[in-house]
Every structure is written in C-alpha cells, then in structure tokens.
Protein backbone atom coordinates (compact mmCIF):
# COMPACT_ATOMS: atom_id res chain seq x y z
CA MET A 1 32.63 -6.43 25.83
CA THR A 2 29.97 -8.09 27.54
CA SER A 3 26.96 -9.75 25.70
CA GLU A 4 24.49 -7.27 26.65
CA THR A 5 26.14 -4.87 24.25
CA THR A 6 27.07 -6.87 21.45
CA SER A 7 24.75 -8.39 18.52
CA LEU A 8 22.08 -11.13 19.90
CA GLY A 9 22.30 -14.74 18.81
CA GLU A 10 19.58 -16.10 17.17
CA ALA A 11 16.63 -16.82 19.39
CA ASN A 12 15.48 -20.41 19.77
CA SER A 13 11.57 -19.58 19.70
CA ALA A 14 9.09 -16.71 19.52
CA ARG A 15 8.97 -16.47 23.07
CA GLU A 16 12.91 -16.01 23.56
CA GLU A 17 12.50 -13.33 21.01
CA TRP A 18 9.75 -11.59 23.03
CA GLN A 19 11.63 -11.80 26.15
CA ARG A 20 14.50 -10.12 24.69
CA TYR A 21 12.34 -7.30 23.51
CA ALA A 22 10.83 -6.93 26.80
CA ALA A 23 14.29 -6.76 28.31
CA PHE A 24 15.34 -4.02 25.90
CA ILE A 25 12.37 -2.18 26.44
CA ARG A 26 13.19 -2.20 30.45
CA ARG A 27 16.91 -1.11 29.70
CA PRO A 28 17.40 0.07 26.17
CA ARG A 29 21.00 -0.53 25.00
CA LEU A 30 22.37 -0.02 21.63
CA PRO A 31 24.22 -3.24 20.45
CA ALA A 32 28.10 -3.33 18.87
CA ARG A 33 26.34 -3.81 15.53
CA ALA A 34 23.24 -5.08 14.13
CA GLN A 35 23.22 -8.53 13.08
CA PRO A 36 23.93 -9.21 9.05
CA MET A 37 20.75 -10.25 6.99
CA SER A 38 20.31 -14.02 7.24
CA GLY A 39 17.61 -16.76 7.89
CA ALA A 40 17.71 -16.04 11.37
CA SER A 41 17.18 -12.47 11.13
CA LEU A 42 14.27 -12.96 9.05
CA ARG A 43 12.69 -15.34 11.30
CA ALA A 44 13.08 -12.66 13.93
CA VAL A 45 11.20 -9.98 11.91
CA LEU A 46 8.32 -12.61 11.79
CA ARG A 47 8.43 -13.54 15.46
CA MET A 48 8.15 -9.70 16.01
CA LEU A 49 5.53 -9.36 13.60
CA GLY A 50 3.28 -12.05 15.57
CA LEU A 51 4.10 -9.92 18.69
CA ASP A 52 2.87 -6.65 16.92
CA PHE A 53 -0.55 -8.25 15.50
CA ALA A 54 -1.09 -9.40 19.09
CA MET A 55 -0.63 -6.08 20.71
CA MET A 56 -2.61 -4.56 17.96
CA ALA A 57 -5.35 -6.81 18.43
CA VAL A 58 -5.36 -5.95 22.31
CA LEU A 59 -5.50 -2.34 21.41
CA MET A 60 -8.55 -2.73 19.15
CA ALA A 61 -10.41 -4.73 21.41
CA LEU A 62 -10.08 -1.88 24.06
CA ALA A 63 -11.02 0.50 21.06
CA THR A 64 -14.01 -1.30 20.50
CA LEU A 65 -14.91 -1.41 24.17
CA VAL A 66 -14.54 2.23 24.52
CA VAL A 67 -16.75 2.77 21.44
CA ALA A 68 -19.26 0.38 23.00
CA ALA A 69 -19.35 2.45 26.29
CA GLY A 70 -20.75 5.62 24.10
CA VAL A 71 -17.27 7.27 23.70
CA ASP A 72 -17.14 8.78 19.90
CA LEU A 73 -14.03 8.52 18.61
CA PRO A 74 -12.42 11.11 16.13
CA GLN A 75 -12.35 10.29 12.53
CA THR A 76 -8.91 10.06 10.87
CA ALA A 77 -8.41 12.38 7.82
CA LEU A 78 -7.61 9.11 5.83
CA GLU A 79 -10.86 7.72 5.98
CA ASN A 80 -12.30 9.90 3.16
CA ILE A 81 -9.37 9.06 0.88
CA ASP A 82 -9.82 7.26 -2.41
CA LEU A 83 -7.82 4.09 -2.20
CA THR A 84 -5.82 4.31 -5.55
CA LEU A 85 -2.92 2.18 -6.59
CA GLY A 86 -0.91 4.96 -5.60
CA ILE A 87 -2.06 5.48 -2.20
CA VAL A 88 -2.00 2.11 -1.46
CA ALA A 89 1.85 1.84 -2.81
CA LEU A 90 2.68 5.01 -0.60
CA VAL A 91 1.08 3.46 2.53
CA VAL A 92 2.74 -0.29 2.21
CA ILE A 93 6.05 0.80 0.38
CA GLY A 94 7.05 4.57 0.72
CA ALA A 95 6.04 5.11 4.06
CA PRO A 96 7.84 2.44 5.46
CA LEU A 97 11.08 3.57 3.87
CA LEU A 98 10.83 6.95 4.23
CA GLU A 99 9.64 6.83 8.00
CA GLU A 100 12.44 4.22 8.93
CA ILE A 101 15.03 6.26 7.59
CA ALA A 102 13.86 9.58 9.10
CA PHE A 103 12.46 8.05 12.95
CA ARG A 104 15.24 4.79 13.11
CA GLY A 105 18.09 5.22 10.26
CA TRP A 106 20.28 7.06 12.58
CA LEU A 107 19.73 5.00 15.54
CA SER A 108 23.14 2.70 14.68
CA GLY A 109 24.79 5.75 16.36
CA ARG A 110 27.42 5.30 13.34
CA PRO A 111 28.77 8.43 12.05
CA GLY A 112 27.84 7.90 8.49
CA HIS A 113 23.78 7.36 9.51
CA VAL A 114 23.60 9.87 11.87
CA PHE A 115 25.59 12.74 9.96
CA GLY A 116 24.62 11.50 6.51
CA LEU A 117 20.83 12.10 7.76
CA LEU A 118 21.74 15.59 8.93
CA ALA A 119 23.31 16.57 5.44
CA LEU A 120 20.11 14.94 3.76
CA VAL A 121 17.42 16.87 6.12
CA THR A 122 19.50 20.09 5.26
CA ALA A 123 19.24 19.29 1.72
CA LEU A 124 15.70 18.56 1.68
CA GLY A 125 14.94 21.73 3.73
CA SER A 126 16.70 24.19 1.53
CA LEU A 127 15.01 22.67 -1.34
CA VAL A 128 11.70 23.00 0.34
CA ALA A 129 12.66 26.81 1.57
CA MET A 130 13.48 27.43 -2.51
CA VAL A 131 10.64 26.33 -3.45
CA ALA A 132 8.22 28.21 -0.90
CA LEU A 133 10.22 31.52 -1.67
CA ASN A 134 9.85 31.25 -5.57
CA GLN A 135 5.90 30.67 -5.00
CA ALA A 136 6.11 33.47 -2.53
CA THR A 137 7.89 36.08 -4.58
CA GLY A 138 7.59 34.67 -7.96
CA VAL A 139 11.10 35.46 -8.70
CA GLY A 140 13.03 32.67 -10.64
CA VAL A 141 15.21 30.45 -8.66
CA LEU A 142 19.09 31.80 -9.06
CA LEU A 143 21.46 28.98 -9.87
CA PRO A 144 23.25 29.46 -6.47
CA ALA A 145 19.84 28.68 -4.56
CA VAL A 146 19.72 25.39 -6.70
CA ALA A 147 23.44 24.30 -5.90
CA LEU A 148 22.46 24.27 -2.18
CA PRO A 149 20.22 21.12 -2.08
CA VAL A 150 22.50 19.50 -4.27
CA PHE A 151 25.75 20.21 -2.55
CA PHE A 152 24.02 18.97 0.81
CA LEU A 153 22.74 15.97 -1.14
CA GLY A 154 25.92 15.00 -2.40
CA LEU A 155 27.39 15.69 0.81
CA ALA A 156 25.19 13.10 2.51
CA ALA A 157 26.22 10.74 0.00
CA VAL A 158 29.70 11.01 0.45
CA ILE A 159 29.66 10.91 4.39
CA LEU A 160 27.59 7.56 3.84
CA TRP A 161 30.27 6.16 1.90
CA ARG A 162 33.21 7.44 3.77
CA TRP A 163 31.81 6.84 7.22
CA ARG A 164 29.84 3.64 6.62
CA ARG A 165 32.19 0.99 8.48
CA ARG A 166 32.76 3.42 11.66
CA PRO A 167 31.36 1.97 14.78
CA ALA A 168 28.93 3.71 16.93
CA MET A 169 29.81 7.28 18.61
CA GLY A 170 30.66 6.56 22.27
CA TRP A 171 28.58 9.57 23.48
CA PHE A 172 25.51 8.39 21.56
CA THR A 173 25.72 4.80 22.89
CA CYS A 174 25.80 6.50 26.27
CA ALA A 175 22.47 8.61 25.23
CA PHE A 176 20.67 6.17 23.43
CA PRO A 177 17.98 5.18 25.94
CA LEU A 178 16.93 8.98 25.41
CA PHE A 179 17.46 8.61 21.73
CA PHE A 180 15.17 5.70 21.71
CA TRP A 181 12.39 7.10 23.74
CA LEU A 182 12.52 10.45 21.68
CA SER A 183 12.34 8.30 18.05
CA THR A 184 9.46 6.10 19.55
CA ALA A 185 7.35 9.27 21.03
CA GLY A 186 8.00 11.19 17.80
CA PHE A 187 6.89 8.76 15.61
CA ALA A 188 3.70 8.16 17.53
CA CYS A 189 3.22 11.88 17.50
CA VAL A 190 3.74 12.86 13.87
CA HIS A 191 0.53 10.12 13.52
CA LEU A 192 -1.42 13.16 15.43
CA LEU A 193 -1.51 14.92 11.78
CA ASN A 194 -3.95 11.83 10.78
CA TYR A 195 -6.82 13.60 12.65
CA ASP A 196 -8.37 16.82 11.62
CA GLU A 197 -9.81 17.67 15.01
CA GLY A 198 -10.03 16.49 18.79
CA SER A 199 -8.09 17.62 22.04
CA LEU A 200 -4.57 16.47 22.88
CA TYR A 201 -5.84 14.07 25.89
CA VAL A 202 -8.21 12.60 23.71
CA LEU A 203 -5.98 12.02 20.57
CA LEU A 204 -3.10 11.03 22.24
CA PRO A 205 -4.19 7.63 23.35
CA LEU A 206 -5.12 6.96 19.77
CA VAL A 207 -1.52 6.93 18.79
CA LEU A 208 -0.46 4.42 21.22
CA PRO A 209 -0.61 1.80 18.45
CA GLN A 210 1.90 3.57 16.89
CA PHE A 211 4.05 3.76 20.03
CA VAL A 212 3.89 0.28 20.64
CA THR A 213 5.02 -0.55 17.07
CA GLY A 214 7.73 1.97 17.05
CA SER A 215 9.23 0.42 19.92
CA ILE A 216 9.27 -2.94 18.26
CA LEU A 217 10.73 -1.34 14.97
CA VAL A 218 13.61 0.20 16.98
CA TYR A 219 14.38 -3.23 18.68
CA LEU A 220 14.37 -4.79 15.18
CA ARG A 221 16.71 -1.58 13.63
CA VAL A 222 19.14 -1.94 16.31
CA ASN A 223 19.45 -5.72 16.71
CA TYR A 224 19.05 -6.89 13.23
CA GLY A 225 19.39 -3.92 10.91
CA LEU A 226 17.29 -1.15 8.87
CA TRP A 227 16.02 -3.48 6.65
CA ALA A 228 14.26 -5.61 9.12
CA ALA A 229 12.33 -2.74 10.55
CA MET A 230 11.42 -1.71 7.01
CA LEU A 231 10.16 -5.12 6.42
CA LEU A 232 7.92 -5.14 9.72
CA HIS A 233 6.57 -1.63 8.80
CA ALA A 234 5.37 -2.61 5.41
CA LEU A 235 3.94 -5.98 6.54
CA HIS A 236 2.29 -4.01 9.15
CA ASN A 237 0.91 -1.46 7.07
CA GLY A 238 -0.10 -3.93 4.23
CA THR A 239 -2.04 -6.26 6.74
CA GLY A 240 -3.71 -3.00 7.79
CA MET A 241 -4.67 -1.79 4.19
CA ALA A 242 -5.48 -5.43 3.36
CA VAL A 243 -8.16 -5.49 6.20
CA VAL A 244 -9.67 -2.06 4.90
CA LEU A 245 -9.83 -3.06 1.13
CA GLY A 246 -11.40 -6.21 2.24
CA GLY A 247 -13.71 -4.45 4.48
CA MET A 248 -14.66 -2.34 1.56
CA LEU A 249 -15.28 -5.17 -0.72
CA LEU A 250 -17.57 -7.13 1.54
CA ALA A 251 -19.66 -3.82 2.21
CA GLY A 252 -19.85 -3.15 -1.74
C-alpha cells in the first residue's frame, strides 16, 4: 500500500500541514485509517485552525469591500435571536457534534459508520413522521409506531459496535472524491437556511466560508478522526460567538 493511501505522519510545521491539505483538495483520497488521538493530531487541529482563521479573514475582507462598494448583503435569520446560554451552547457544542456526525461521520467509509448512520437517520425520520402524524390527526400513537424508531436506534447501536473495526469499503474508497465534494457542498448549502430572503445567486457566495471550512473539516476527519473535526468546528463557532458577544458588550 502506498503512502498516499495510508495515514499521514506528523507534519513538521504548519506550512507542511497546509501543503498536505492543498494536495488533499486537489486529489481527495481516503486514508486506510485516521491517526489515533495524540499530541501530533492535536497540533494538526491547531495548525488547520490557523489556516481556517486566515481564510475567514480574507473572505471577511472581501465582504467588507463588497459592502463598501454599495452592495447590500441580506441579513441572516440569526441576527435577531437573543443570545441566551442555551443558544450559545447549541452553536458551540451542539452544532459541531450533530453536524460532524451528519456530514462527516460516515466519510471514513467503514461499514459501521455508513450503515450505522443510515439506521440512525431512519430512526429519527420515523420518529419525526410519527410526531407529525399525531399532530395532524390527533390520534394517539400506537405501540407498533413507537417500536419502529426504537428498533432502528437499537440497530444503529448494534451496527456501530459489531462493525466498528472493519476497514473502509472498496467502492466507497473509489468514490471518495465524489463523497468529499457532496459532503462539503451539502454542508455549505444547508447554511442557506440562515437567510430568510435573497436570490440563490446572491446567497451562494455568502456560504463560501462554510464551504471552505467544510473542506478543512473533511481533511481533519479522514486523516485525524471525527473528534478532530468536531474540535475545530467547536473552536471555529466559539471564536465567532466570542466576537459577536464582544461586539455586543462594546456596543452596550
């Protein structure tokens, strides 16, 4: 097996880590296994966080130039939300956990992760359908209907446990570049829901930061593990939230 398909060794510098990321973007490949959690992988997260901040600074500077040129950017639906402790926790902790599982947890290509997530999604989908049906008809939920999401939730747990050590599936490895771009684009596009108005050609550039960060998160997920992507995601959101709260304090 070539070095291109095995896990990476530790980068000697941030520049080397960023070069590896650039090579990954040019030609996405799925490593045989992610690096175990270690000091080296934590350093990789911090290095990629630095790159993430640098890219966000460039994009924010471009947005400032656009606004200075007289272009009105649509407001997000989140601007009028009161930043309670619960909202802050959701943004900094809840969103990184849930979004990483949904958008990148399965990108390992391992059967336990792929099919376990499918079973989990089916459990949640059946639960949502059951609640919606109950609200629409006013009829009490029958025991068989309750058993359905419980069954698929248990199935997800069994799949994750029984298949946790199986390697990535061959067909998934071959199709990984497609899955990489679909995951990254999907992660960016879901943030279009942050906007209440605006045409698609105006809104799509506004989710470019999520597209860039999404590509960094995939790189970390497949090379260093899901925990690495979750950590960077939390640090990214936490930094943004700290800037917003700091601005509010200064304005007050």
